Amino acid sequence: MSDEPQRLSVHIKYGNVEKTFSGSSEEVWLSVNKFFGEFIPSFEIARKLALNVDLQKLAKECEGVVGFAQEGPYLLVPRDKLTDNETLALLLLANYVGLQLGKVENDGVLKEELQLKLGKDAKIVSTRLGELVKGEMAAKTADEKYKITTFGIVQMQKEMLPRIRAKMSN
């Protein structure tokens, strides 16, 4: 038998993070404990802070509010019950949901299309879209289209969709 200490190697895979520790049993033990003590709690916190969209839940929350035809997404809420910003945000949300469900082909919506659906002049639409972009609810794409942001979707779920549903029942 040799007097050389045996080397130990431990490979850990957690989510999409992989780490290998090698060395004496004491070194590996300390490294693994440090990894679990420092990395895992911060990974869990980061996971809890990440904005994620549950498409199934979002689609259920949009039932009766938006609908899809061959021509594209439609709002099922009477137009006179919504503010301009609610209408634009809802149109962008409908486009996102439609894209995810395979009902819409484009990632964004042209300002002119939004203007047509809103029924207001170009200046008002530009101003309202600017407000949504400034509030980080929407973003302008490289091809001059508008789309809802992940933050915008979360805000719609938390604030706007419940408010819109309440307006529908009045």
C-alpha atoms as a PDB file:
ATOM      1  CA  MET A   1       0.000   0.000   0.000  1.00  0.00           C
ATOM      2  CA  SER A   2       1.244   3.488  -0.821  1.00  0.00           C
ATOM      3  CA  ASP A   3       1.669   6.279   1.724  1.00  0.00           C
ATOM      4  CA  GLU A   4       0.298   8.867  -0.744  1.00  0.00           C
ATOM      5  CA  PRO A   5      -3.082  10.276   0.290  1.00  0.00           C
ATOM      6  CA  GLN A   6      -5.869   9.252  -2.022  1.00  0.00           C
ATOM      7  CA  ARG A   7      -7.502  11.949  -4.095  1.00  0.00           C
ATOM      8  CA  LEU A   8     -11.237  12.283  -4.123  1.00  0.00           C
ATOM      9  CA  SER A   9     -13.328  13.813  -6.890  1.00  0.00           C
ATOM     10  CA  VAL A  10     -16.962  14.886  -6.512  1.00  0.00           C
ATOM     11  CA  HIS A  11     -19.127  16.209  -9.325  1.00  0.00           C
ATOM     12  CA  ILE A  12     -22.275  18.192  -8.454  1.00  0.00           C
ATOM     13  CA  LYS A  13     -24.974  19.164 -10.909  1.00  0.00           C
ATOM     14  CA  TYR A  14     -27.704  21.503  -9.663  1.00  0.00           C
ATOM     15  CA  GLY A  15     -30.050  22.965 -12.273  1.00  0.00           C
ATOM     16  CA  ASN A  16     -27.813  24.156 -15.078  1.00  0.00           C
ATOM     17  CA  VAL A  17     -24.760  24.590 -12.831  1.00  0.00           C
ATOM     18  CA  GLU A  18     -22.099  21.918 -12.646  1.00  0.00           C
ATOM     19  CA  LYS A  19     -19.080  21.914 -10.350  1.00  0.00           C
ATOM     20  CA  THR A  20     -16.346  19.356  -9.766  1.00  0.00           C
ATOM     21  CA  PHE A  21     -14.255  19.288  -6.588  1.00  0.00           C
ATOM     22  CA  SER A  22     -11.014  17.304  -6.373  1.00  0.00           C
ATOM     23  CA  GLY A  23      -8.422  16.910  -3.660  1.00  0.00           C
ATOM     24  CA  SER A  24      -8.001  15.168  -0.359  1.00  0.00           C
ATOM     25  CA  SER A  25     -11.172  14.038   1.366  1.00  0.00           C
ATOM     26  CA  GLU A  26     -10.902  16.989   3.785  1.00  0.00           C
ATOM     27  CA  GLU A  27     -10.451  19.535   0.954  1.00  0.00           C
ATOM     28  CA  VAL A  28     -13.374  18.133  -1.026  1.00  0.00           C
ATOM     29  CA  TRP A  29     -15.566  18.007   2.074  1.00  0.00           C
ATOM     30  CA  LEU A  30     -14.832  21.669   2.851  1.00  0.00           C
ATOM     31  CA  SER A  31     -15.360  22.722  -0.773  1.00  0.00           C
ATOM     32  CA  VAL A  32     -18.680  20.888  -1.080  1.00  0.00           C
ATOM     33  CA  ASN A  33     -19.913  22.355   2.205  1.00  0.00           C
ATOM     34  CA  LYS A  34     -18.862  25.836   1.083  1.00  0.00           C
ATOM     35  CA  PHE A  35     -20.641  25.304  -2.249  1.00  0.00           C
ATOM     36  CA  PHE A  36     -23.878  24.262  -0.555  1.00  0.00           C
ATOM     37  CA  GLY A  37     -23.570  26.983   2.074  1.00  0.00           C
ATOM     38  CA  GLU A  38     -22.909  29.853  -0.332  1.00  0.00           C
ATOM     39  CA  PHE A  39     -24.196  28.953  -3.757  1.00  0.00           C
ATOM     40  CA  ILE A  40     -27.450  27.093  -3.200  1.00  0.00           C
ATOM     41  CA  PRO A  41     -29.173  29.740  -1.028  1.00  0.00           C
ATOM     42  CA  SER A  42     -28.238  32.523  -3.465  1.00  0.00           C
ATOM     43  CA  PHE A  43     -29.379  30.359  -6.394  1.00  0.00           C
ATOM     44  CA  GLU A  44     -32.737  29.763  -4.686  1.00  0.00           C
ATOM     45  CA  ILE A  45     -33.129  33.480  -3.933  1.00  0.00           C
ATOM     46  CA  ALA A  46     -32.301  34.375  -7.529  1.00  0.00           C
ATOM     47  CA  ARG A  47     -34.814  31.807  -8.769  1.00  0.00           C
ATOM     48  CA  LYS A  48     -37.513  33.332  -6.563  1.00  0.00           C
ATOM     49  CA  LEU A  49     -36.695  36.842  -7.814  1.00  0.00           C
ATOM     50  CA  ALA A  50     -36.770  35.921 -11.505  1.00  0.00           C
ATOM     51  CA  LEU A  51     -39.811  37.107 -13.450  1.00  0.00           C
ATOM     52  CA  ASN A  52     -41.303  34.099 -15.185  1.00  0.00           C
ATOM     53  CA  VAL A  53     -44.488  33.692 -17.169  1.00  0.00           C
ATOM     54  CA  ASP A  54     -46.714  30.678 -16.608  1.00  0.00           C
ATOM     55  CA  LEU A  55     -48.386  30.457 -20.032  1.00  0.00           C
ATOM     56  CA  GLN A  56     -51.160  28.136 -18.871  1.00  0.00           C
ATOM     57  CA  LYS A  57     -52.107  30.493 -16.025  1.00  0.00           C
ATOM     58  CA  LEU A  58     -51.832  33.549 -18.290  1.00  0.00           C
ATOM     59  CA  ALA A  59     -54.043  31.977 -20.968  1.00  0.00           C
ATOM     60  CA  LYS A  60     -56.659  31.152 -18.324  1.00  0.00           C
ATOM     61  CA  GLU A  61     -56.564  34.741 -17.030  1.00  0.00           C
ATOM     62  CA  CYS A  62     -57.092  36.006 -20.595  1.00  0.00           C
ATOM     63  CA  GLU A  63     -60.224  33.888 -21.164  1.00  0.00           C
ATOM     64  CA  GLY A  64     -63.135  36.153 -22.035  1.00  0.00           C
ATOM     65  CA  VAL A  65     -60.820  39.156 -22.343  1.00  0.00           C
ATOM     66  CA  VAL A  66     -59.005  38.296 -25.585  1.00  0.00           C
ATOM     67  CA  GLY A  67     -59.842  35.890 -28.364  1.00  0.00           C
ATOM     68  CA  PHE A  68     -58.199  34.644 -31.538  1.00  0.00           C
ATOM     69  CA  ALA A  69     -59.573  34.374 -35.050  1.00  0.00           C
ATOM     70  CA  GLN A  70     -57.798  33.538 -38.303  1.00  0.00           C
ATOM     71  CA  GLU A  71     -57.171  37.267 -38.748  1.00  0.00           C
ATOM     72  CA  GLY A  72     -55.386  37.542 -35.398  1.00  0.00           C
ATOM     73  CA  PRO A  73     -56.067  38.522 -31.782  1.00  0.00           C
ATOM     74  CA  TYR A  74     -59.128  40.485 -30.723  1.00  0.00           C
ATOM     75  CA  LEU A  75     -60.156  42.198 -27.511  1.00  0.00           C
ATOM     76  CA  LEU A  76     -63.449  40.933 -26.131  1.00  0.00           C
ATOM     77  CA  VAL A  77     -63.809  43.875 -23.754  1.00  0.00           C
ATOM     78  CA  PRO A  78     -66.003  46.785 -24.856  1.00  0.00           C
ATOM     79  CA  ARG A  79     -63.596  49.493 -26.027  1.00  0.00           C
ATOM     80  CA  ASP A  80     -65.374  52.236 -24.049  1.00  0.00           C
ATOM     81  CA  LYS A  81     -64.578  50.452 -20.762  1.00  0.00           C
ATOM     82  CA  LEU A  82     -60.800  50.645 -21.243  1.00  0.00           C
ATOM     83  CA  THR A  83     -58.257  53.455 -21.123  1.00  0.00           C
ATOM     84  CA  ASP A  84     -55.964  53.869 -24.113  1.00  0.00           C
ATOM     85  CA  ASN A  85     -53.034  52.413 -22.146  1.00  0.00           C
ATOM     86  CA  GLU A  86     -55.078  49.416 -21.013  1.00  0.00           C
ATOM     87  CA  THR A  87     -56.192  48.793 -24.590  1.00  0.00           C
ATOM     88  CA  LEU A  88     -52.664  48.998 -26.008  1.00  0.00           C
ATOM     89  CA  ALA A  89     -51.183  46.839 -23.234  1.00  0.00           C
ATOM     90  CA  LEU A  90     -53.964  44.296 -23.709  1.00  0.00           C
ATOM     91  CA  LEU A  91     -53.388  44.213 -27.486  1.00  0.00           C
ATOM     92  CA  LEU A  92     -49.668  43.589 -26.903  1.00  0.00           C
ATOM     93  CA  LEU A  93     -50.479  40.916 -24.314  1.00  0.00           C
ATOM     94  CA  ALA A  94     -52.910  39.256 -26.740  1.00  0.00           C
ATOM     95  CA  ASN A  95     -50.181  39.219 -29.391  1.00  0.00           C
ATOM     96  CA  TYR A  96     -47.744  37.580 -26.927  1.00  0.00           C
ATOM     97  CA  VAL A  97     -50.262  34.923 -25.866  1.00  0.00           C
ATOM     98  CA  GLY A  98     -51.201  34.323 -29.494  1.00  0.00           C
ATOM     99  CA  LEU A  99     -47.542  33.888 -30.441  1.00  0.00           C
ATOM    100  CA  GLN A 100     -46.987  31.403 -27.605  1.00  0.00           C
ATOM    101  CA  LEU A 101     -50.093  29.442 -28.591  1.00  0.00           C
ATOM    102  CA  GLY A 102     -49.193  29.414 -32.283  1.00  0.00           C
ATOM    103  CA  LYS A 103     -52.110  31.671 -33.235  1.00  0.00           C
ATOM    104  CA  VAL A 104     -49.922  34.648 -34.214  1.00  0.00           C
ATOM    105  CA  GLU A 105     -46.771  34.619 -36.327  1.00  0.00           C
ATOM    106  CA  ASN A 106     -45.160  37.945 -35.387  1.00  0.00           C
ATOM    107  CA  ASP A 107     -43.242  38.810 -32.238  1.00  0.00           C
ATOM    108  CA  GLY A 108     -44.388  42.434 -32.306  1.00  0.00           C
ATOM    109  CA  VAL A 109     -47.177  44.688 -33.539  1.00  0.00           C
ATOM    110  CA  LEU A 110     -46.769  47.662 -35.856  1.00  0.00           C
ATOM    111  CA  LYS A 111     -47.771  51.056 -34.474  1.00  0.00           C
ATOM    112  CA  GLU A 112     -50.165  51.505 -37.402  1.00  0.00           C
ATOM    113  CA  GLU A 113     -51.965  48.272 -36.540  1.00  0.00           C
ATOM    114  CA  LEU A 114     -52.268  49.349 -32.907  1.00  0.00           C
ATOM    115  CA  GLN A 115     -53.544  52.744 -34.071  1.00  0.00           C
ATOM    116  CA  LEU A 116     -56.210  51.082 -36.212  1.00  0.00           C
ATOM    117  CA  LYS A 117     -57.384  48.853 -33.340  1.00  0.00           C
ATOM    118  CA  LEU A 118     -57.299  51.717 -30.827  1.00  0.00           C
ATOM    119  CA  GLY A 119     -59.177  54.029 -33.170  1.00  0.00           C
ATOM    120  CA  LYS A 120     -57.153  57.113 -32.245  1.00  0.00           C
ATOM    121  CA  ASP A 121     -54.831  59.371 -34.216  1.00  0.00           C
ATOM    122  CA  ALA A 122     -51.124  58.623 -34.619  1.00  0.00           C
ATOM    123  CA  LYS A 123     -49.976  61.247 -32.104  1.00  0.00           C
ATOM    124  CA  ILE A 124     -52.101  59.794 -29.286  1.00  0.00           C
ATOM    125  CA  VAL A 125     -50.945  56.253 -30.081  1.00  0.00           C
ATOM    126  CA  SER A 126     -47.289  57.359 -30.160  1.00  0.00           C
ATOM    127  CA  THR A 127     -47.696  59.129 -26.818  1.00  0.00           C
ATOM    128  CA  ARG A 128     -49.417  56.172 -25.146  1.00  0.00           C
ATOM    129  CA  LEU A 129     -46.889  53.680 -26.533  1.00  0.00           C
ATOM    130  CA  GLY A 130     -44.112  55.967 -25.278  1.00  0.00           C
ATOM    131  CA  GLU A 131     -45.683  55.845 -21.816  1.00  0.00           C
ATOM    132  CA  LEU A 132     -45.821  52.035 -21.897  1.00  0.00           C
ATOM    133  CA  VAL A 133     -42.176  51.865 -23.036  1.00  0.00           C
ATOM    134  CA  LYS A 134     -41.098  54.369 -20.371  1.00  0.00           C
ATOM    135  CA  GLY A 135     -42.940  52.316 -17.740  1.00  0.00           C
ATOM    136  CA  GLU A 136     -41.135  49.197 -19.088  1.00  0.00           C
ATOM    137  CA  MET A 137     -44.461  47.528 -19.873  1.00  0.00           C
ATOM    138  CA  ALA A 138     -43.613  47.434 -23.589  1.00  0.00           C
ATOM    139  CA  ALA A 139     -40.507  47.575 -25.753  1.00  0.00           C
ATOM    140  CA  LYS A 140     -39.841  48.745 -29.274  1.00  0.00           C
ATOM    141  CA  THR A 141     -38.221  46.065 -31.412  1.00  0.00           C
ATOM    142  CA  ALA A 142     -35.443  46.529 -33.947  1.00  0.00           C
ATOM    143  CA  ASP A 143     -37.995  46.314 -36.774  1.00  0.00           C
ATOM    144  CA  GLU A 144     -40.071  49.219 -35.344  1.00  0.00           C
ATOM    145  CA  LYS A 145     -42.748  46.998 -33.798  1.00  0.00           C
ATOM    146  CA  TYR A 146     -43.948  46.961 -30.218  1.00  0.00           C
ATOM    147  CA  LYS A 147     -44.164  43.996 -27.882  1.00  0.00           C
ATOM    148  CA  ILE A 148     -44.996  43.479 -24.244  1.00  0.00           C
ATOM    149  CA  THR A 149     -42.080  42.865 -21.863  1.00  0.00           C
ATOM    150  CA  THR A 150     -41.919  40.087 -19.279  1.00  0.00           C
ATOM    151  CA  PHE A 151     -42.299  42.803 -16.636  1.00  0.00           C
ATOM    152  CA  GLY A 152     -45.339  44.061 -18.541  1.00  0.00           C
ATOM    153  CA  ILE A 153     -46.906  40.600 -18.541  1.00  0.00           C
ATOM    154  CA  VAL A 154     -46.372  40.247 -14.788  1.00  0.00           C
ATOM    155  CA  GLN A 155     -47.862  43.727 -14.211  1.00  0.00           C
ATOM    156  CA  MET A 156     -50.817  42.863 -16.433  1.00  0.00           C
ATOM    157  CA  GLN A 157     -51.459  39.730 -14.368  1.00  0.00           C
ATOM    158  CA  LYS A 158     -51.112  41.522 -11.037  1.00  0.00           C
ATOM    159  CA  GLU A 159     -52.872  44.805 -11.775  1.00  0.00           C
ATOM    160  CA  MET A 160     -54.449  45.389 -15.180  1.00  0.00           C
ATOM    161  CA  LEU A 161     -56.251  42.104 -15.880  1.00  0.00           C
ATOM    162  CA  PRO A 162     -58.095  42.138 -12.504  1.00  0.00           C
ATOM    163  CA  ARG A 163     -59.028  45.803 -13.078  1.00  0.00           C
ATOM    164  CA  ILE A 164     -60.199  45.049 -16.636  1.00  0.00           C
ATOM    165  CA  ARG A 165     -62.265  42.088 -15.414  1.00  0.00           C
ATOM    166  CA  ALA A 166     -63.876  44.321 -12.788  1.00  0.00           C
ATOM    167  CA  LYS A 167     -64.755  46.874 -15.493  1.00  0.00           C
ATOM    168  CA  MET A 168     -66.304  44.112 -17.604  1.00  0.00           C
ATOM    169  CA  SER A 169     -68.673  43.097 -14.810  1.00  0.00           C
ATOM    170  CA  ASN A 170     -69.875  46.692 -14.261  1.00  0.00           C
END
